[in-house]
C-alpha atoms as a PDB file:
ATOM      1  CA  MET A   1      -0.562  15.915 -24.349  1.00  0.00           C
ATOM      2  CA  VAL A   2      -0.471  14.239 -28.164  1.00  0.00           C
ATOM      3  CA  GLY A   3      -3.874  15.785 -28.856  1.00  0.00           C
ATOM      4  CA  LEU A   4      -2.694  19.209 -28.380  1.00  0.00           C
ATOM      5  CA  GLY A   5       0.265  18.667 -30.781  1.00  0.00           C
ATOM      6  CA  LEU A   6       2.485  18.133 -28.006  1.00  0.00           C
ATOM      7  CA  LYS A   7       4.664  15.759 -28.150  1.00  0.00           C
ATOM      8  CA  PRO A   8       6.034  14.024 -24.619  1.00  0.00           C
ATOM      9  CA  ASN A   9       9.707  14.014 -23.471  1.00  0.00           C
ATOM     10  CA  ILE A  10      12.333  12.253 -21.494  1.00  0.00           C
ATOM     11  CA  VAL A  11      11.105  14.256 -18.659  1.00  0.00           C
ATOM     12  CA  THR A  12       7.359  12.997 -19.347  1.00  0.00           C
ATOM     13  CA  TYR A  13       8.001   9.349 -19.238  1.00  0.00           C
ATOM     14  CA  ASN A  14      10.277   9.323 -17.016  1.00  0.00           C
ATOM     15  CA  ALA A  15       7.132  11.097 -14.646  1.00  0.00           C
ATOM     16  CA  LEU A  16       4.926   8.411 -16.309  1.00  0.00           C
ATOM     17  CA  MET A  17       7.484   5.084 -15.295  1.00  0.00           C
ATOM     18  CA  ASN A  18       7.810   6.587 -12.181  1.00  0.00           C
ATOM     19  CA  GLY A  19       4.058   6.820 -11.577  1.00  0.00           C
ATOM     20  CA  PHE A  20       3.128   3.738 -12.205  1.00  0.00           C
ATOM     21  CA  SER A  21       6.128   2.071 -10.560  1.00  0.00           C
ATOM     22  CA  LYS A  22       4.768   4.085  -7.247  1.00  0.00           C
ATOM     23  CA  LYS A  23       1.441   2.276  -7.924  1.00  0.00           C
ATOM     24  CA  LYS A  24       3.238  -1.032  -8.177  1.00  0.00           C
ATOM     25  CA  MET A  25       1.813  -1.213 -12.114  1.00  0.00           C
ATOM     26  CA  MET A  26       4.637  -3.292 -13.678  1.00  0.00           C
ATOM     27  CA  LYS A  27       3.229  -3.871 -16.801  1.00  0.00           C
ATOM     28  CA  GLU A  28       2.543  -0.246 -17.568  1.00  0.00           C
ATOM     29  CA  ALA A  29       5.638   0.884 -15.993  1.00  0.00           C
ATOM     30  CA  LYS A  30       7.468  -1.510 -18.753  1.00  0.00           C
ATOM     31  CA  LYS A  31       5.589  -0.727 -21.270  1.00  0.00           C
ATOM     32  CA  VAL A  32       6.002   3.182 -21.269  1.00  0.00           C
ATOM     33  CA  PHE A  33       9.826   2.190 -21.243  1.00  0.00           C
ATOM     34  CA  ASP A  34       9.553   0.408 -23.981  1.00  0.00           C
ATOM     35  CA  ASP A  35       7.834   3.420 -25.581  1.00  0.00           C
ATOM     36  CA  ILE A  36      10.951   4.931 -25.213  1.00  0.00           C
ATOM     37  CA  THR A  37      12.820   3.452 -28.062  1.00  0.00           C
ATOM     38  CA  GLU A  38      10.183   3.236 -29.970  1.00  0.00           C
ATOM     39  CA  GLN A  39       9.687   7.338 -30.200  1.00  0.00           C
ATOM     40  CA  GLU A  40      13.172   7.406 -30.804  1.00  0.00           C
ATOM     41  CA  LEU A  41      13.332   8.881 -27.353  1.00  0.00           C
ATOM     42  CA  VAL A  42      17.490   8.755 -25.781  1.00  0.00           C
ATOM     43  CA  PRO A  43      17.158   7.329 -22.450  1.00  0.00           C
ATOM     44  CA  ASN A  44      19.147   9.037 -19.515  1.00  0.00           C
ATOM     45  CA  ALA A  45      20.270   7.740 -16.366  1.00  0.00           C
ATOM     46  CA  ILE A  46      17.133   8.412 -14.654  1.00  0.00           C
ATOM     47  CA  THR A  47      15.142   6.761 -17.206  1.00  0.00           C
ATOM     48  CA  PHE A  48      17.167   3.409 -15.966  1.00  0.00           C
ATOM     49  CA  ASN A  49      17.159   4.013 -12.147  1.00  0.00           C
ATOM     50  CA  THR A  50      13.386   4.451 -12.421  1.00  0.00           C
ATOM     51  CA  MET A  51      12.564   1.084 -14.528  1.00  0.00           C
ATOM     52  CA  ILE A  52      15.729  -0.729 -11.845  1.00  0.00           C
ATOM     53  CA  ASP A  53      13.777   0.037  -9.027  1.00  0.00           C
ATOM     54  CA  ALA A  54      10.847  -0.565 -10.045  1.00  0.00           C
ATOM     55  CA  TYR A  55      12.669  -3.747 -10.699  1.00  0.00           C
ATOM     56  CA  GLY A  56      13.446  -3.992  -6.890  1.00  0.00           C
ATOM     57  CA  MET A  57      10.001  -3.327  -5.874  1.00  0.00           C
ATOM     58  CA  GLU A  58       9.040  -6.055  -7.351  1.00  0.00           C
ATOM     59  CA  GLY A  59      12.123  -8.421  -6.611  1.00  0.00           C
ATOM     60  CA  MET A  60      12.956  -8.902  -9.856  1.00  0.00           C
ATOM     61  CA  MET A  61      16.591  -8.536  -9.413  1.00  0.00           C
ATOM     62  CA  GLU A  62      18.070 -10.286 -12.604  1.00  0.00           C
ATOM     63  CA  GLU A  63      16.063  -7.868 -14.805  1.00  0.00           C
ATOM     64  CA  GLY A  64      17.422  -5.161 -12.677  1.00  0.00           C
ATOM     65  CA  PHE A  65      20.805  -6.205 -13.232  1.00  0.00           C
ATOM     66  CA  ALA A  66      20.055  -6.958 -16.815  1.00  0.00           C
ATOM     67  CA  LEU A  67      18.952  -3.476 -17.417  1.00  0.00           C
ATOM     68  CA  ARG A  68      22.236  -1.902 -15.587  1.00  0.00           C
ATOM     69  CA  SER A  69      24.536  -4.132 -18.004  1.00  0.00           C
ATOM     70  CA  SER A  70      21.483  -1.982 -20.554  1.00  0.00           C
ATOM     71  CA  MET A  71      22.951   1.097 -19.777  1.00  0.00           C
ATOM     72  CA  LEU A  72      26.302   0.445 -20.299  1.00  0.00           C
ATOM     73  CA  ASP A  73      25.457  -0.624 -23.619  1.00  0.00           C
ATOM     74  CA  GLU A  74      23.789   2.579 -23.952  1.00  0.00           C
ATOM     75  CA  GLU A  75      27.107   4.468 -22.575  1.00  0.00           C
ATOM     76  CA  ILE A  76      25.450   5.365 -20.113  1.00  0.00           C
ATOM     77  CA  LEU A  77      27.236   4.820 -16.431  1.00  0.00           C
ATOM     78  CA  PRO A  78      25.138   3.350 -13.588  1.00  0.00           C
ATOM     79  CA  ASN A  79      25.750   6.701 -11.048  1.00  0.00           C
ATOM     80  CA  VAL A  80      25.060   6.597  -6.710  1.00  0.00           C
ATOM     81  CA  SER A  81      20.822   6.108  -7.781  1.00  0.00           C
ATOM     82  CA  THR A  82      21.341   3.792  -9.792  1.00  0.00           C
ATOM     83  CA  TYR A  83      23.286   1.158  -6.976  1.00  0.00           C
ATOM     84  CA  ASN A  84      20.683   2.394  -4.416  1.00  0.00           C
ATOM     85  CA  CYS A  85      17.945   0.582  -6.246  1.00  0.00           C
ATOM     86  CA  LEU A  86      20.014  -2.251  -6.834  1.00  0.00           C
ATOM     87  CA  ILE A  87      20.715  -2.708  -2.942  1.00  0.00           C
ATOM     88  CA  GLY A  88      17.668  -1.362  -2.447  1.00  0.00           C
ATOM     89  CA  GLY A  89      16.250  -4.754  -4.040  1.00  0.00           C
ATOM     90  CA  LEU A  90      18.914  -6.842  -2.900  1.00  0.00           C
ATOM     91  CA  CYS A  91      18.245  -5.880   0.700  1.00  0.00           C
ATOM     92  CA  ARG A  92      14.462  -6.569   0.258  1.00  0.00           C
ATOM     93  CA  GLU A  93      15.378  -9.882  -0.499  1.00  0.00           C
ATOM     94  CA  ARG A  94      17.397 -10.156   2.412  1.00  0.00           C
ATOM     95  CA  ASP A  95      20.663 -10.966   0.609  1.00  0.00           C
ATOM     96  CA  LEU A  96      22.425  -8.581   2.546  1.00  0.00           C
ATOM     97  CA  ARG A  97      25.751  -9.678   1.250  1.00  0.00           C
ATOM     98  CA  ALA A  98      25.204  -9.005  -1.825  1.00  0.00           C
ATOM     99  CA  ALA A  99      24.092  -5.483  -1.093  1.00  0.00           C
ATOM    100  CA  LYS A 100      27.182  -5.366   1.084  1.00  0.00           C
ATOM    101  CA  ASP A 101      29.040  -6.589  -2.224  1.00  0.00           C
ATOM    102  CA  LEU A 102      28.009  -4.559  -4.385  1.00  0.00           C
ATOM    103  CA  LEU A 103      28.841  -1.319  -2.648  1.00  0.00           C
ATOM    104  CA  ILE A 104      32.717  -1.979  -2.980  1.00  0.00           C
ATOM    105  CA  GLU A 105      31.452  -3.209  -6.676  1.00  0.00           C
ATOM    106  CA  MET A 106      30.255   0.657  -6.526  1.00  0.00           C
ATOM    107  CA  GLU A 107      33.386   2.143  -4.287  1.00  0.00           C
ATOM    108  CA  ASN A 108      35.840   0.095  -6.881  1.00  0.00           C
ATOM    109  CA  ASN A 109      33.920   2.516  -9.882  1.00  0.00           C
ATOM    110  CA  GLY A 110      34.824   5.499  -8.020  1.00  0.00           C
ATOM    111  CA  LEU A 111      31.686   5.875  -6.241  1.00  0.00           C
ATOM    112  CA  LYS A 112      30.833   6.581  -2.562  1.00  0.00           C
ATOM    113  CA  GLY A 113      27.834   5.257  -1.200  1.00  0.00           C
ATOM    114  CA  ASP A 114      25.284   8.505   0.337  1.00  0.00           C
ATOM    115  CA  VAL A 115      23.220   8.510   2.940  1.00  0.00           C
ATOM    116  CA  VAL A 116      20.602   7.273   1.287  1.00  0.00           C
ATOM    117  CA  THR A 117      22.774   3.946   0.269  1.00  0.00           C
ATOM    118  CA  TYR A 118      23.595   3.762   4.367  1.00  0.00           C
ATOM    119  CA  ASN A 119      20.201   3.957   5.070  1.00  0.00           C
ATOM    120  CA  ILE A 120      18.864   1.188   2.963  1.00  0.00           C
ATOM    121  CA  LEU A 121      22.324  -1.330   4.405  1.00  0.00           C
ATOM    122  CA  ILE A 122      21.120  -0.408   8.093  1.00  0.00           C
ATOM    123  CA  ASP A 123      17.448  -0.879   7.298  1.00  0.00           C
ATOM    124  CA  GLY A 124      18.235  -4.266   5.395  1.00  0.00           C
ATOM    125  CA  SER A 125      20.262  -5.269   8.248  1.00  0.00           C
ATOM    126  CA  CYS A 126      17.497  -4.587  11.160  1.00  0.00           C
ATOM    127  CA  LYS A 127      14.745  -6.168   9.143  1.00  0.00           C
ATOM    128  CA  ILE A 128      17.056  -9.133   9.452  1.00  0.00           C
ATOM    129  CA  GLY A 129      17.552  -8.745  13.025  1.00  0.00           C
ATOM    130  CA  LYS A 130      20.622  -7.591  12.921  1.00  0.00           C
ATOM    131  CA  PRO A 131      20.623  -4.314  14.468  1.00  0.00           C
ATOM    132  CA  ARG A 132      23.981  -4.538  15.715  1.00  0.00           C
ATOM    133  CA  ASN A 133      25.963  -4.570  12.143  1.00  0.00           C
ATOM    134  CA  VAL A 134      24.315  -1.279  12.231  1.00  0.00           C
ATOM    135  CA  GLU A 135      27.462   0.317  13.798  1.00  0.00           C
ATOM    136  CA  LYS A 136      30.093  -0.719  11.620  1.00  0.00           C
ATOM    137  CA  LEU A 137      27.747   0.672   9.358  1.00  0.00           C
ATOM    138  CA  LEU A 138      27.334   4.192  11.103  1.00  0.00           C
ATOM    139  CA  ASN A 139      30.545   4.349  11.440  1.00  0.00           C
ATOM    140  CA  GLU A 140      31.329   4.022   7.496  1.00  0.00           C
ATOM    141  CA  MET A 141      29.087   6.969   7.526  1.00  0.00           C
ATOM    142  CA  PHE A 142      31.118   9.502   9.926  1.00  0.00           C
ATOM    143  CA  ASN A 143      34.222   7.954   8.106  1.00  0.00           C
ATOM    144  CA  LEU A 144      33.110   9.183   4.823  1.00  0.00           C
ATOM    145  CA  GLY A 145      31.999  12.781   6.350  1.00  0.00           C
ATOM    146  CA  LEU A 146      27.818  11.458   5.950  1.00  0.00           C
ATOM    147  CA  LYS A 147      25.918  12.539   8.407  1.00  0.00           C
ATOM    148  CA  PRO A 148      23.121  10.041   9.664  1.00  0.00           C
ATOM    149  CA  ASN A 149      19.444  12.053   9.051  1.00  0.00           C
ATOM    150  CA  HIS A 150      16.243  11.249  11.393  1.00  0.00           C
ATOM    151  CA  VAL A 151      15.724   8.055   8.367  1.00  0.00           C
ATOM    152  CA  THR A 152      18.958   6.402   9.974  1.00  0.00           C
ATOM    153  CA  TYR A 153      18.426   7.248  13.516  1.00  0.00           C
ATOM    154  CA  ASN A 154      14.984   6.249  13.469  1.00  0.00           C
ATOM    155  CA  THR A 155      15.600   2.829  10.832  1.00  0.00           C
ATOM    156  CA  LEU A 156      18.063   1.726  13.954  1.00  0.00           C
ATOM    157  CA  MET A 157      15.519   2.198  16.864  1.00  0.00           C
ATOM    158  CA  ASP A 158      12.986   0.354  14.879  1.00  0.00           C
ATOM    159  CA  GLY A 159      15.639  -2.637  14.701  1.00  0.00           C
ATOM    160  CA  TYR A 160      16.215  -2.766  18.368  1.00  0.00           C
ATOM    161  CA  CYS A 161      12.539  -2.437  19.535  1.00  0.00           C
ATOM    162  CA  MET A 162      11.903  -5.392  16.620  1.00  0.00           C
ATOM    163  CA  GLU A 163      13.712  -7.363  19.023  1.00  0.00           C
ATOM    164  CA  GLY A 164      12.691  -5.711  22.376  1.00  0.00           C
ATOM    165  CA  ASN A 165      15.588  -4.238  23.087  1.00  0.00           C
ATOM    166  CA  LEU A 166      13.899  -0.619  23.746  1.00  0.00           C
ATOM    167  CA  LYS A 167      17.326   0.031  26.615  1.00  0.00           C
ATOM    168  CA  ALA A 168      19.312   0.209  22.975  1.00  0.00           C
ATOM    169  CA  ALA A 169      16.541   2.243  21.394  1.00  0.00           C
ATOM    170  CA  LEU A 170      16.265   4.673  23.414  1.00  0.00           C
ATOM    171  CA  ASN A 171      20.215   5.117  23.637  1.00  0.00           C
ATOM    172  CA  VAL A 172      19.610   5.529  19.778  1.00  0.00           C
ATOM    173  CA  MET A 173      17.515   8.515  20.667  1.00  0.00           C
ATOM    174  CA  ALA A 174      20.062  10.129  23.411  1.00  0.00           C
ATOM    175  CA  ARG A 175      22.303   9.786  20.607  1.00  0.00           C
ATOM    176  CA  MET A 176      20.048  11.349  17.964  1.00  0.00           C
ATOM    177  CA  GLU A 177      19.856  14.106  20.335  1.00  0.00           C
ATOM    178  CA  LYS A 178      23.415  14.575  21.335  1.00  0.00           C
ATOM    179  CA  GLU A 179      23.755  14.952  17.339  1.00  0.00           C
ATOM    180  CA  ARG A 180      21.125  17.855  17.652  1.00  0.00           C
ATOM    181  CA  LYS A 181      17.832  16.399  15.974  1.00  0.00           C
ATOM    182  CA  GLN A 182      15.135  16.363  17.788  1.00  0.00           C
ATOM    183  CA  PRO A 183      12.807  13.252  17.616  1.00  0.00           C
ATOM    184  CA  ASN A 184       9.951  13.547  15.143  1.00  0.00           C
ATOM    185  CA  VAL A 185       6.807  12.026  15.066  1.00  0.00           C
ATOM    186  CA  VAL A 186       8.036   8.802  13.223  1.00  0.00           C
ATOM    187  CA  THR A 187      10.826   8.376  16.099  1.00  0.00           C
ATOM    188  CA  TYR A 188       7.857   8.427  19.065  1.00  0.00           C
ATOM    189  CA  ASN A 189       5.538   6.021  17.347  1.00  0.00           C
ATOM    190  CA  VAL A 190       8.717   3.414  17.032  1.00  0.00           C
ATOM    191  CA  LEU A 191       9.314   4.034  20.346  1.00  0.00           C
ATOM    192  CA  ILE A 192       5.645   3.933  21.416  1.00  0.00           C
ATOM    193  CA  LYS A 193       5.066   0.598  19.273  1.00  0.00           C
ATOM    194  CA  GLY A 194       8.204  -0.871  20.899  1.00  0.00           C
ATOM    195  CA  TYR A 195       7.007  -0.468  24.483  1.00  0.00           C
ATOM    196  CA  CYS A 196       3.467  -1.799  23.537  1.00  0.00           C
ATOM    197  CA  LYS A 197       4.770  -5.220  21.642  1.00  0.00           C
ATOM    198  CA  ILE A 198       6.461  -5.644  25.787  1.00  0.00           C
ATOM    199  CA  ASN A 199       3.627  -5.147  26.812  1.00  0.00           C
ATOM    200  CA  LYS A 200       4.873  -1.762  28.984  1.00  0.00           C
ATOM    201  CA  LEU A 201       1.249  -0.094  28.181  1.00  0.00           C
ATOM    202  CA  GLU A 202       2.184   3.007  30.778  1.00  0.00           C
ATOM    203  CA  ALA A 203       5.543   3.368  29.338  1.00  0.00           C
ATOM    204  CA  ALA A 204       4.000   3.707  26.103  1.00  0.00           C
ATOM    205  CA  ASN A 205       1.033   6.288  27.280  1.00  0.00           C
ATOM    206  CA  ASN A 206       4.415   8.409  28.605  1.00  0.00           C
ATOM    207  CA  LEU A 207       5.921   8.482  25.490  1.00  0.00           C
ATOM    208  CA  LEU A 208       2.670   9.422  23.381  1.00  0.00           C
ATOM    209  CA  ASN A 209       2.312  12.208  25.877  1.00  0.00           C
ATOM    210  CA  GLU A 210       5.487  13.260  25.856  1.00  0.00           C
ATOM    211  CA  MET A 211       4.821  13.405  22.113  1.00  0.00           C
ATOM    212  CA  LEU A 212       2.296  15.759  22.142  1.00  0.00           C
ATOM    213  CA  GLU A 213       3.322  18.057  25.239  1.00  0.00           C
ATOM    214  CA  LYS A 214       6.589  18.732  22.415  1.00  0.00           C
ATOM    215  CA  GLY A 215       3.563  19.718  19.769  1.00  0.00           C
ATOM    216  CA  LEU A 216       4.012  17.162  17.451  1.00  0.00           C
ATOM    217  CA  ASN A 217       1.195  16.036  15.655  1.00  0.00           C
ATOM    218  CA  PRO A 218       0.216  12.575  15.708  1.00  0.00           C
ATOM    219  CA  ASN A 219      -0.424  10.989  12.504  1.00  0.00           C
ATOM    220  CA  ARG A 220      -2.368   8.041  11.116  1.00  0.00           C
ATOM    221  CA  ASN A 221       0.057   5.328  12.185  1.00  0.00           C
ATOM    222  CA  THR A 222       0.260   7.067  15.595  1.00  0.00           C
ATOM    223  CA  TYR A 223      -3.810   6.746  14.987  1.00  0.00           C
ATOM    224  CA  ASP A 224      -3.227   3.403  14.129  1.00  0.00           C
ATOM    225  CA  ILE A 225      -0.595   2.270  17.326  1.00  0.00           C
ATOM    226  CA  VAL A 226      -3.760   3.319  19.922  1.00  0.00           C
ATOM    227  CA  ARG A 227      -5.853   2.074  18.506  1.00  0.00           C
ATOM    228  CA  LEU A 228      -4.600  -1.377  17.919  1.00  0.00           C
ATOM    229  CA  GLU A 229      -1.641  -1.757  20.370  1.00  0.00           C
ATOM    230  CA  MET A 230      -4.087  -0.025  23.320  1.00  0.00           C
ATOM    231  CA  LEU A 231      -7.433   0.349  22.611  1.00  0.00           C
ATOM    232  CA  GLU A 232      -7.673  -3.135  21.388  1.00  0.00           C
ATOM    233  CA  LYS A 233      -6.054  -4.495  24.504  1.00  0.00           C
ATOM    234  CA  GLY A 234      -8.036  -3.012  26.692  1.00  0.00           C
ATOM    235  CA  PHE A 235      -5.856  -0.492  27.998  1.00  0.00           C
ATOM    236  CA  ILE A 236      -7.041   3.498  27.633  1.00  0.00           C
ATOM    237  CA  PRO A 237      -4.011   6.171  27.226  1.00  0.00           C
ATOM    238  CA  ASP A 238      -4.120   8.582  29.445  1.00  0.00           C
ATOM    239  CA  ILE A 239      -4.489  12.150  27.304  1.00  0.00           C
ATOM    240  CA  GLU A 240      -6.017  14.443  29.624  1.00  0.00           C
ATOM    241  CA  GLY A 241      -5.287  17.781  27.842  1.00  0.00           C
ATOM    242  CA  HIS A 242      -4.879  16.648  24.342  1.00  0.00           C
ATOM    243  CA  LEU A 243      -7.729  15.297  23.863  1.00  0.00           C
ATOM    244  CA  TYR A 244      -8.602  17.262  20.510  1.00  0.00           C
ATOM    245  CA  ASN A 245      -4.656  16.257  19.400  1.00  0.00           C
ATOM    246  CA  ILE A 246      -5.685  12.704  18.880  1.00  0.00           C
ATOM    247  CA  SER A 247      -9.111  13.372  17.653  1.00  0.00           C
ATOM    248  CA  SER A 248      -7.868  15.311  15.024  1.00  0.00           C
ATOM    249  CA  MET A 249      -5.593  12.418  13.761  1.00  0.00           C
ATOM    250  CA  SER A 250      -5.195  11.744   9.981  1.00  0.00           C
END
């Protein structure tokens, strides 16, 4: 851009930071962030949120919170996305207590969590083996007028599957369907893998066929589950009539 006589603006820098962050190129992301000041550009909330999220993904929570303080110094108020980035980082560190405290702080500052906020907390609860604590979070969502989405339900199902509670996972799917949200390929991947983990391969096979009969296209994750959890265990799934679908997984 510079070679063409074009001067990058804050949107350009934000996009660059985001790209480096997604590729876990922390050093490069930080350099772009520092360049913003050198170029005398004014950072915005997206600038700070992107960098805070990058710190969170690397487990650098002290730096993330320090950057939030810098936002206030720049008279930029943290928004819901800022808190989501911090809460996400704390959940990755398995510090659910601190994450929930941050949710309370957020509410005290006049901000309400969104679906993303609660999906992060639900995922965090499931990752530490406490999917039952999620019911309280779901009730909070409903009280705020927030509707759980596919990510919410799939995450909760995955939590139950990780502890081998397939009955609870199926109940979540039933609740999902009651809310008129049709199971997607991720839903089926979670359940198929869950059944495989407890060696109920026939039940997993039935779900695989159910998914295919509904016209849902298998993805790479489906293929990996079939290969690692079925084929490598000596179980050949009965997918007659759906061979094209399986062979075209990508």
